[in-house]
Amino acid sequence: MKDLGVNNLIERTRAAVWHPCTQMKQLEASPPLAIARGEGAWLIDTEGRRYFDAISSWWVNLFGHCNPRINAAITDQLGKIEHVMLAGATHAPVVELSERLAALTGLGHAFYGSDGASATEIALKMSAHYWRNTDQTQKNGFMSLQNGYHGETVGALSVTDIPLFKSTYAPLLRHSVQVPTPDARLADPGESAEAFALRCADALEAHLAEHAATTAAFIVEPLVQGATGMAMYHPVYLIRARELCNQYGVHLIADEIAVGFGRTGSMFACEQAGIKPDFICLSKGITGGYLPLSAVLTTDAIYTAFYDDATARGFLHSHSYTGNPLACRAALAVLDIFEHDQVIAANRIKSLEMTGALEEVSAHSRVRHFRHAGMIWAFDVADAGPGFATRFHAEALAQGVFMRPIGHTVYLMPPYVITPSEMTLLAGRVLRALELSLAA
């Protein structure tokens, strides 16, 4: 076997791998971690150094690395069938997973992809195709929130509103409309998060009143806009969005890719508004961070519009690994853990404990807008200066914590298996990393 020592592995990755969301030249000064294995909430590099995975490996790892129950489910499935195409065949894991997701969401007929952006593409295409199948071809436009993020494939990027990701590819993208974000940080002084959310909903209504006839769907990240810096908002916005989409005949797409599966304190964020979207997009935590998988579920009415003798009226979208049995078994194991361990209830306690552990961080003189939703914590750093995110990342690594701030926003999304002692340790190391990165 080739030498997999840390230095050799980093040299080889620089020579052979194009890393995501990375300016590769920066790897000369800030090499990536050379990870050999994981245990629970910890990553372990090739030299045996341990790093707390405070962002759940890009928000996907719910129940720790090398979780024995998920391992066992995948191992069992390996002895049966690893993959079969879902066009013309079916299998028990995909059927059971679809049934259980339908029961959890109140929606049905799960359509599978491999990642979050794929789920966005599926939902957008389904919405536009639905209107075409119902002889309303003019309804093919899309709306999203300012500062929203829905993925980086061409369709998903078209409804994303983050210039760093979008501007370069603007000539390739379809036009979409962005309406004001209810991000509570943008409220006027003295204005409550609820009042601000309702004011933003008024802007949504004004746009729909004029453009509903040409609008297919409104896509939102419920409660938390992740990639813009964990922007959090009041659930009343979702209530009004549902009412307005009903009133004006526009689909509501809930992008729960990052916030689903317990991350905001309920199984799905939409539950906190008591609404049901027309489409729900799921990914990230669905397999506990084990295998690529995404799903889109929709209403029976939308499904029925595709059910026809004419092939062209069907939803002719496909991925080679659609509904992969191994990924579905991992997802079923994740749902079993949620059910058997009463994870949502346990996380409510952990959320309070972690918020308490971060009290000194929240009181820091340079911290602004300390906020949390379920198992997500975030704060902004005043006068952080250029390069803050890079400095904080490096200082956190030196403290044995793996984090990637978004601009001047620091956030934590730890695995749900975090223990009280790990909470105390993590909070202390975050505070230390903050002080050192500000002093640099």
Protein backbone atom coordinates (compact mmCIF):
# COMPACT_ATOMS: atom_id res chain seq x y z
CA MET A 1 0.00 0.00 0.00
CA LYS A 2 1.19 3.53 -0.76
CA ASP A 3 2.38 5.70 2.10
CA LEU A 4 -0.68 7.38 3.65
CA GLY A 5 1.23 9.52 6.16
CA VAL A 6 -0.15 13.01 6.65
CA ASN A 7 2.45 14.82 4.53
CA ASN A 8 2.29 12.34 1.68
CA LEU A 9 -1.52 12.31 1.71
CA ILE A 10 -1.72 16.11 1.56
CA GLU A 11 0.81 16.26 -1.29
CA ARG A 12 -1.20 13.68 -3.19
CA THR A 13 -4.52 15.42 -2.61
CA ARG A 14 -3.07 18.70 -3.89
CA ALA A 15 -1.84 16.90 -6.99
CA ALA A 16 -4.93 14.82 -7.73
CA VAL A 17 -8.09 16.14 -6.01
CA TRP A 18 -10.10 19.28 -6.79
CA HIS A 19 -11.69 20.13 -3.45
CA PRO A 20 -15.20 21.64 -3.25
CA CYS A 21 -15.87 25.22 -2.22
CA THR A 22 -12.12 25.81 -2.10
CA GLN A 23 -9.60 28.09 -3.77
CA MET A 24 -7.02 25.36 -4.33
CA LYS A 25 -4.07 27.74 -4.08
CA GLN A 26 -5.00 28.36 -0.45
CA LEU A 27 -4.19 24.74 0.35
CA GLU A 28 -0.52 25.69 0.10
CA ALA A 29 -0.83 27.73 3.29
CA SER A 30 -3.80 25.93 4.87
CA PRO A 31 -3.63 22.22 4.06
CA PRO A 32 -6.75 20.10 4.60
CA LEU A 33 -7.02 17.68 7.48
CA ALA A 34 -5.75 14.23 6.56
CA ILE A 35 -8.49 12.16 8.18
CA ALA A 36 -7.95 8.47 8.82
CA ARG A 37 -11.04 7.55 10.82
CA GLY A 38 -13.86 8.81 13.02
CA GLU A 39 -15.35 7.92 16.39
CA GLY A 40 -18.62 9.44 17.54
CA ALA A 41 -18.39 13.22 17.20
CA TRP A 42 -14.63 13.11 16.60
CA LEU A 43 -12.44 13.05 13.51
CA ILE A 44 -8.99 11.47 13.85
CA ASP A 45 -6.16 12.33 11.47
CA THR A 46 -3.40 10.10 10.17
CA GLU A 47 -1.15 11.13 13.07
CA GLY A 48 -3.77 10.28 15.69
CA ARG A 49 -4.80 13.89 16.47
CA ARG A 50 -8.47 14.31 17.36
CA TYR A 51 -10.79 17.07 16.16
CA PHE A 52 -14.35 17.63 17.34
CA ASP A 53 -16.60 17.67 14.27
CA ALA A 54 -18.53 20.80 15.29
CA ILE A 55 -20.27 21.19 11.92
CA SER A 56 -21.23 17.54 11.43
CA SER A 57 -19.09 17.21 8.29
CA TRP A 58 -21.09 19.81 6.32
CA TRP A 59 -24.25 19.27 8.38
CA VAL A 60 -24.79 15.61 7.45
CA ASN A 61 -23.55 13.54 10.39
CA LEU A 62 -26.35 13.17 12.92
CA PHE A 63 -25.40 10.20 15.06
CA GLY A 64 -21.63 10.15 15.01
CA HIS A 65 -18.98 8.60 12.82
CA CYS A 66 -18.93 4.81 12.58
CA ASN A 67 -22.29 4.48 14.26
CA PRO A 68 -22.73 0.76 14.99
CA ARG A 69 -26.44 0.63 14.15
CA ILE A 70 -26.05 2.33 10.78
CA ASN A 71 -22.95 0.21 10.09
CA ALA A 72 -24.94 -2.95 10.79
CA ALA A 73 -27.80 -1.94 8.51
CA ILE A 74 -25.47 -1.24 5.58
CA THR A 75 -23.50 -4.45 6.20
CA ASP A 76 -26.71 -6.46 6.21
CA GLN A 77 -27.84 -4.87 2.96
CA LEU A 78 -24.48 -5.59 1.32
CA GLY A 79 -25.26 -9.27 1.60
CA LYS A 80 -28.54 -8.84 -0.30
CA ILE A 81 -28.31 -6.32 -3.14
CA GLU A 82 -26.03 -3.30 -3.45
CA HIS A 83 -27.85 -1.58 -6.31
CA VAL A 84 -30.51 -2.10 -8.94
CA MET A 85 -31.86 0.57 -11.26
CA LEU A 86 -35.18 1.95 -10.09
CA ALA A 87 -36.55 2.29 -13.63
CA GLY A 88 -38.26 -1.06 -14.19
CA ALA A 89 -37.36 -2.52 -10.77
CA THR A 90 -38.05 -1.88 -7.09
CA HIS A 91 -36.78 -3.19 -3.77
CA ALA A 92 -37.79 -3.34 -0.12
CA PRO A 93 -35.55 -0.56 1.28
CA VAL A 94 -36.80 2.10 -1.15
CA VAL A 95 -40.44 1.12 -0.61
CA GLU A 96 -40.15 1.13 3.18
CA LEU A 97 -38.24 4.41 3.23
CA SER A 98 -40.82 6.05 0.96
CA GLU A 99 -43.64 4.85 3.21
CA ARG A 100 -41.96 6.15 6.33
CA LEU A 101 -41.06 9.53 4.81
CA ALA A 102 -44.67 9.89 3.65
CA ALA A 103 -45.91 9.20 7.16
CA LEU A 104 -43.51 11.78 8.62
CA THR A 105 -44.15 14.56 6.08
CA GLY A 106 -47.79 14.08 5.12
CA LEU A 107 -46.66 14.00 1.49
CA GLY A 108 -46.09 11.04 -0.79
CA HIS A 109 -44.51 9.33 -3.78
CA ALA A 110 -40.87 9.99 -2.92
CA PHE A 111 -38.63 10.72 -5.90
CA TYR A 112 -34.94 10.15 -5.21
CA GLY A 113 -31.72 11.87 -6.21
CA SER A 114 -28.19 11.84 -4.88
CA ASP A 115 -27.72 15.22 -3.18
CA GLY A 116 -29.43 18.43 -2.14
CA ALA A 117 -28.97 20.29 -5.42
CA SER A 118 -30.50 17.31 -7.24
CA ALA A 119 -33.53 17.53 -4.96
CA THR A 120 -33.93 21.22 -5.78
CA GLU A 121 -33.71 20.50 -9.49
CA ILE A 122 -36.33 17.77 -9.16
CA ALA A 123 -38.78 19.98 -7.25
CA LEU A 124 -38.39 22.92 -9.66
CA LYS A 125 -38.89 20.69 -12.71
CA MET A 126 -41.85 18.90 -11.16
CA SER A 127 -43.55 22.20 -10.36
CA ALA A 128 -43.11 23.65 -13.85
CA HIS A 129 -44.11 20.35 -15.46
CA TYR A 130 -47.24 20.16 -13.29
CA TRP A 131 -48.42 23.52 -14.61
CA ARG A 132 -47.64 22.40 -18.14
CA ASN A 133 -49.64 19.22 -17.67
CA THR A 134 -52.58 21.28 -16.40
CA ASP A 135 -52.47 23.58 -19.45
CA GLN A 136 -50.96 26.56 -17.62
CA THR A 137 -47.64 26.72 -19.45
CA GLN A 138 -47.18 30.41 -18.61
CA LYS A 139 -46.59 29.45 -14.95
CA ASN A 140 -42.89 28.66 -15.21
CA GLY A 141 -41.18 31.35 -13.11
CA PHE A 142 -39.66 30.87 -9.68
CA MET A 143 -39.29 32.95 -6.52
CA SER A 144 -36.93 32.59 -3.59
CA LEU A 145 -35.76 34.61 -0.60
CA GLN A 146 -32.96 37.13 -0.73
CA ASN A 147 -29.72 35.52 0.49
CA GLY A 148 -31.20 32.06 0.00
CA TYR A 149 -29.16 29.01 -0.97
CA HIS A 150 -30.56 25.97 -2.77
CA GLY A 151 -27.56 24.33 -4.42
CA GLU A 152 -25.08 24.94 -7.21
CA THR A 153 -26.31 23.03 -10.22
CA VAL A 154 -27.75 25.31 -12.92
CA GLY A 155 -31.41 25.18 -11.89
CA ALA A 156 -30.66 25.28 -8.16
CA LEU A 157 -28.21 28.14 -8.63
CA SER A 158 -30.86 30.08 -10.49
CA VAL A 159 -32.92 30.34 -7.29
CA THR A 160 -29.86 30.84 -5.07
CA ASP A 161 -29.04 34.43 -4.09
CA ILE A 162 -25.43 34.39 -2.91
CA PRO A 163 -23.21 36.33 -5.33
CA LEU A 164 -20.03 34.42 -4.43
CA PHE A 165 -21.56 31.27 -5.87
CA LYS A 166 -23.84 32.78 -8.50
CA SER A 167 -22.23 35.77 -10.19
CA THR A 168 -19.65 33.89 -12.26
CA TYR A 169 -22.30 31.68 -13.81
CA ALA A 170 -24.98 34.33 -14.32
CA PRO A 171 -24.99 33.95 -18.14
CA LEU A 172 -25.92 30.28 -17.74
CA LEU A 173 -28.79 30.80 -15.33
CA ARG A 174 -32.51 31.27 -15.71
CA HIS A 175 -33.94 34.47 -14.25
CA SER A 176 -35.72 34.18 -10.90
CA VAL A 177 -37.15 36.70 -8.46
CA GLN A 178 -35.97 37.23 -4.90
CA VAL A 179 -38.27 38.70 -2.25
CA PRO A 180 -37.13 40.25 1.06
CA THR A 181 -35.70 37.83 3.59
CA PRO A 182 -37.32 37.73 7.06
CA ASP A 183 -33.83 37.33 8.63
CA ALA A 184 -34.49 38.70 12.13
CA ARG A 185 -31.11 40.48 12.20
CA LEU A 186 -32.47 42.93 9.63
CA ALA A 187 -35.42 44.11 11.73
CA ASP A 188 -35.61 47.78 12.62
CA PRO A 189 -34.61 48.76 16.17
CA GLY A 190 -37.44 47.79 18.49
CA GLU A 191 -39.18 45.71 15.83
CA SER A 192 -39.87 42.13 16.87
CA ALA A 193 -38.83 39.16 14.73
CA GLU A 194 -42.52 38.36 14.24
CA ALA A 195 -43.44 41.87 13.12
CA PHE A 196 -40.50 41.97 10.72
CA ALA A 197 -41.44 38.57 9.28
CA LEU A 198 -44.97 39.79 8.65
CA ARG A 199 -43.62 42.94 6.97
CA CYS A 200 -41.53 40.76 4.66
CA ALA A 201 -44.59 38.62 3.97
CA ASP A 202 -46.38 41.77 2.80
CA ALA A 203 -43.69 42.15 0.13
CA LEU A 204 -44.25 38.53 -0.89
CA GLU A 205 -47.95 39.21 -1.23
CA ALA A 206 -47.34 42.33 -3.32
CA HIS A 207 -45.22 40.34 -5.77
CA LEU A 208 -47.69 37.46 -6.00
CA ALA A 209 -50.59 39.82 -6.55
CA GLU A 210 -48.88 41.04 -9.71
CA HIS A 211 -47.02 37.97 -10.96
CA ALA A 212 -48.86 34.84 -9.78
CA ALA A 213 -50.06 34.08 -13.30
CA THR A 214 -46.48 33.46 -14.44
CA THR A 215 -45.10 31.99 -11.20
CA ALA A 216 -44.78 28.24 -10.71
CA ALA A 217 -43.34 28.07 -7.20
CA PHE A 218 -41.82 29.85 -4.22
CA ILE A 219 -38.86 27.97 -2.70
CA VAL A 220 -37.71 28.68 0.87
CA GLU A 221 -35.32 27.34 3.48
CA PRO A 222 -37.71 27.04 6.45
CA LEU A 223 -36.65 28.93 9.62
CA VAL A 224 -32.90 29.01 8.90
CA GLN A 225 -31.08 30.22 5.78
CA GLY A 226 -27.85 28.28 6.12
CA ALA A 227 -25.21 29.41 3.65
CA THR A 228 -25.85 33.12 4.20
CA GLY A 229 -24.72 32.79 7.81
CA MET A 230 -27.46 30.87 9.65
CA ALA A 231 -30.07 33.61 9.20
CA MET A 232 -33.00 32.72 11.45
CA TYR A 233 -36.55 33.99 11.22
CA HIS A 234 -39.96 33.72 12.87
CA PRO A 235 -42.22 30.83 11.77
CA VAL A 236 -45.11 33.22 11.13
CA TYR A 237 -43.46 33.96 7.77
CA LEU A 238 -44.02 30.35 6.72
CA ILE A 239 -47.64 30.53 7.84
CA ARG A 240 -48.24 33.59 5.67
CA ALA A 241 -46.27 32.10 2.77
CA ARG A 242 -48.50 29.02 2.84
CA GLU A 243 -51.64 31.16 2.95
CA LEU A 244 -50.46 33.37 0.10
CA CYS A 245 -49.34 30.48 -2.11
CA ASN A 246 -52.78 28.92 -1.62
CA GLN A 247 -54.50 32.22 -2.37
CA TYR A 248 -52.57 32.92 -5.55
CA GLY A 249 -52.18 29.36 -6.87
CA VAL A 250 -48.41 29.02 -6.51
CA HIS A 251 -46.52 25.97 -5.24
CA LEU A 252 -44.61 26.22 -1.96
CA ILE A 253 -41.33 24.26 -2.00
CA ALA A 254 -39.76 23.65 1.41
CA ASP A 255 -36.01 23.18 1.07
CA GLU A 256 -35.41 21.16 4.24
CA ILE A 257 -32.11 19.81 2.94
CA ALA A 258 -30.11 21.40 5.76
CA VAL A 259 -32.80 21.97 8.38
CA GLY A 260 -34.67 18.67 8.22
CA PHE A 261 -34.25 15.61 10.42
CA GLY A 262 -34.34 17.39 13.75
CA ARG A 263 -31.83 20.15 13.14
CA THR A 264 -34.13 23.05 14.11
CA GLY A 265 -35.77 21.28 17.05
CA SER A 266 -38.59 19.43 15.26
CA MET A 267 -38.32 16.60 12.76
CA PHE A 268 -38.94 19.08 9.96
CA ALA A 269 -38.77 22.85 10.32
CA CYS A 270 -42.18 23.36 8.68
CA GLU A 271 -43.78 21.65 11.67
CA GLN A 272 -43.01 24.69 13.81
CA ALA A 273 -45.31 26.74 11.56
CA GLY A 274 -47.94 24.01 11.37
CA ILE A 275 -47.86 24.00 7.57
CA LYS A 276 -47.50 21.41 4.83
CA PRO A 277 -45.65 22.47 1.67
CA ASP A 278 -46.47 21.26 -1.84
CA PHE A 279 -42.96 19.84 -2.17
CA ILE A 280 -40.37 18.97 0.46
CA CYS A 281 -36.69 18.54 -0.44
CA LEU A 282 -34.64 16.27 1.86
CA SER A 283 -30.98 15.30 1.93
CA LYS A 284 -27.88 15.81 4.15
CA GLY A 285 -28.84 14.11 7.43
CA ILE A 286 -31.18 11.62 5.76
CA THR A 287 -28.51 8.87 5.83
CA GLY A 288 -26.74 10.12 8.94
CA GLY A 289 -23.81 11.25 6.82
CA TYR A 290 -23.10 7.82 5.39
CA LEU A 291 -24.15 7.76 1.74
CA PRO A 292 -25.37 10.29 -0.85
CA LEU A 293 -29.15 10.42 -1.02
CA SER A 294 -31.89 13.00 -1.49
CA ALA A 295 -35.64 12.81 -1.83
CA VAL A 296 -38.51 15.01 -2.96
CA LEU A 297 -42.04 14.27 -1.78
CA THR A 298 -45.16 16.02 -3.05
CA THR A 299 -48.94 16.01 -2.88
CA ASP A 300 -51.26 13.45 -4.42
CA ALA A 301 -52.78 16.19 -6.60
CA ILE A 302 -49.42 17.00 -8.15
CA TYR A 303 -48.56 13.32 -8.62
CA THR A 304 -51.89 12.69 -10.31
CA ALA A 305 -51.21 15.35 -12.94
CA PHE A 306 -48.35 13.18 -14.25
CA TYR A 307 -50.33 9.90 -14.21
CA ASP A 308 -51.32 9.39 -17.84
CA ASP A 309 -51.08 7.12 -20.86
CA ALA A 310 -48.73 9.57 -22.60
CA THR A 311 -45.08 8.99 -21.70
CA ALA A 312 -44.24 12.66 -22.23
CA ARG A 313 -46.62 13.64 -19.43
CA GLY A 314 -44.61 11.53 -16.97
CA PHE A 315 -41.71 12.92 -14.97
CA LEU A 316 -38.81 11.77 -17.15
CA HIS A 317 -35.98 12.64 -14.78
CA SER A 318 -33.42 10.10 -13.63
CA HIS A 319 -30.20 9.45 -11.76
CA SER A 320 -28.26 6.22 -12.18
CA TYR A 321 -28.21 5.61 -8.43
CA THR A 322 -31.81 6.69 -7.77
CA GLY A 323 -33.10 4.96 -4.64
CA ASN A 324 -29.87 3.05 -4.03
CA PRO A 325 -30.60 0.18 -1.58
CA LEU A 326 -27.52 0.79 0.58
CA ALA A 327 -28.38 4.47 1.00
CA CYS A 328 -32.00 3.65 1.72
CA ARG A 329 -30.99 1.14 4.40
CA ALA A 330 -28.78 3.78 6.01
CA ALA A 331 -31.73 6.19 5.98
CA LEU A 332 -34.01 3.57 7.52
CA ALA A 333 -31.46 3.02 10.29
CA VAL A 334 -31.42 6.77 10.90
CA LEU A 335 -35.22 6.83 11.22
CA ASP A 336 -35.03 3.86 13.60
CA ILE A 337 -32.62 5.76 15.83
CA PHE A 338 -34.90 8.80 15.84
CA GLU A 339 -37.82 6.63 16.89
CA HIS A 340 -36.19 4.29 19.37
CA ASP A 341 -34.00 6.90 21.10
CA GLN A 342 -36.66 9.64 21.13
CA VAL A 343 -34.07 11.93 19.59
CA ILE A 344 -36.24 15.02 19.15
CA ALA A 345 -37.13 15.09 22.85
CA ALA A 346 -33.53 14.38 23.89
CA ASN A 347 -32.26 17.15 21.62
CA ARG A 348 -34.52 19.71 23.30
CA ILE A 349 -32.61 19.07 26.52
CA LYS A 350 -29.25 19.12 24.76
CA SER A 351 -30.17 22.39 23.06
CA LEU A 352 -30.72 24.07 26.41
CA GLU A 353 -27.52 22.57 27.82
CA MET A 354 -25.40 23.71 24.87
CA THR A 355 -26.89 27.19 24.97
CA GLY A 356 -25.95 27.38 28.63
CA ALA A 357 -22.43 26.16 27.90
CA LEU A 358 -22.04 28.95 25.32
CA GLU A 359 -23.11 31.68 27.77
CA GLU A 360 -19.61 33.16 28.00
CA VAL A 361 -19.33 33.17 24.20
CA SER A 362 -22.68 34.92 23.82
CA ALA A 363 -21.60 37.58 26.35
CA HIS A 364 -18.31 38.32 24.56
CA SER A 365 -17.92 42.01 23.75
CA ARG A 366 -17.42 41.35 20.03
CA VAL A 367 -20.31 38.91 19.62
CA ARG A 368 -23.51 40.13 17.98
CA HIS A 369 -26.83 38.39 17.28
CA PHE A 370 -26.11 35.23 19.25
CA ARG A 371 -28.90 32.91 18.16
CA HIS A 372 -29.95 29.31 18.07
CA ALA A 373 -32.64 27.04 16.64
CA GLY A 374 -32.72 23.51 17.96
CA MET A 375 -29.27 22.05 17.36
CA ILE A 376 -27.90 25.06 15.45
CA TRP A 377 -26.00 27.89 17.16
CA ALA A 378 -24.58 30.98 15.46
CA PHE A 379 -23.20 34.41 16.22
CA ASP A 380 -21.74 37.30 14.27
CA VAL A 381 -18.40 38.89 15.14
CA ALA A 382 -18.21 42.67 15.11
CA ASP A 383 -15.19 44.30 13.42
CA ALA A 384 -13.85 40.86 12.52
CA GLY A 385 -11.62 42.25 9.77
CA PRO A 386 -10.48 40.64 6.52
CA GLY A 387 -9.58 36.97 6.69
CA PHE A 388 -11.43 36.36 9.94
CA ALA A 389 -12.98 33.08 8.78
CA THR A 390 -9.56 31.71 7.81
CA ARG A 391 -7.99 32.80 11.09
CA PHE A 392 -10.81 31.35 13.18
CA HIS A 393 -10.71 28.06 11.27
CA ALA A 394 -6.96 27.75 11.93
CA GLU A 395 -7.26 28.67 15.61
CA ALA A 396 -10.13 26.22 16.08
CA LEU A 397 -8.06 23.45 14.51
CA ALA A 398 -5.24 24.27 16.90
CA GLN A 399 -7.78 23.79 19.70
CA GLY A 400 -8.87 20.44 18.25
CA VAL A 401 -12.17 21.65 16.74
CA PHE A 402 -13.18 21.44 13.08
CA MET A 403 -15.26 24.52 12.09
CA ARG A 404 -15.71 26.65 8.96
CA PRO A 405 -17.12 30.13 9.68
CA ILE A 406 -19.18 31.86 6.99
CA GLY A 407 -17.64 35.30 6.65
CA HIS A 408 -17.93 36.95 10.05
CA THR A 409 -20.50 34.39 11.25
CA VAL A 410 -19.39 31.50 13.45
CA TYR A 411 -21.80 28.58 13.72
CA LEU A 412 -22.01 25.19 15.40
CA MET A 413 -24.05 22.23 14.17
CA PRO A 414 -22.64 19.31 16.16
CA PRO A 415 -23.76 15.68 15.84
CA TYR A 416 -26.68 14.79 18.07
CA VAL A 417 -24.52 12.34 20.01
CA ILE A 418 -22.66 15.22 21.70
CA THR A 419 -22.34 14.63 25.45
CA PRO A 420 -22.53 17.19 28.29
CA SER A 421 -18.77 17.02 28.83
CA GLU A 422 -18.19 17.53 25.11
CA MET A 423 -20.49 20.56 25.19
CA THR A 424 -18.40 22.14 27.92
CA LEU A 425 -15.18 21.31 26.09
CA LEU A 426 -16.51 22.63 22.77
CA ALA A 427 -17.77 25.90 24.23
CA GLY A 428 -14.45 26.56 25.92
CA ARG A 429 -12.48 25.87 22.77
CA VAL A 430 -14.77 28.05 20.66
CA LEU A 431 -14.24 30.93 23.08
CA ARG A 432 -10.48 30.43 22.98
CA ALA A 433 -10.45 30.27 19.17
CA LEU A 434 -12.51 33.46 19.03
CA GLU A 435 -10.15 35.35 21.31
CA LEU A 436 -7.05 34.17 19.47
CA SER A 437 -8.48 34.92 16.02
CA LEU A 438 -9.40 38.45 17.10
CA ALA A 439 -5.98 39.03 18.66
CA ALA A 440 -4.08 37.87 15.55
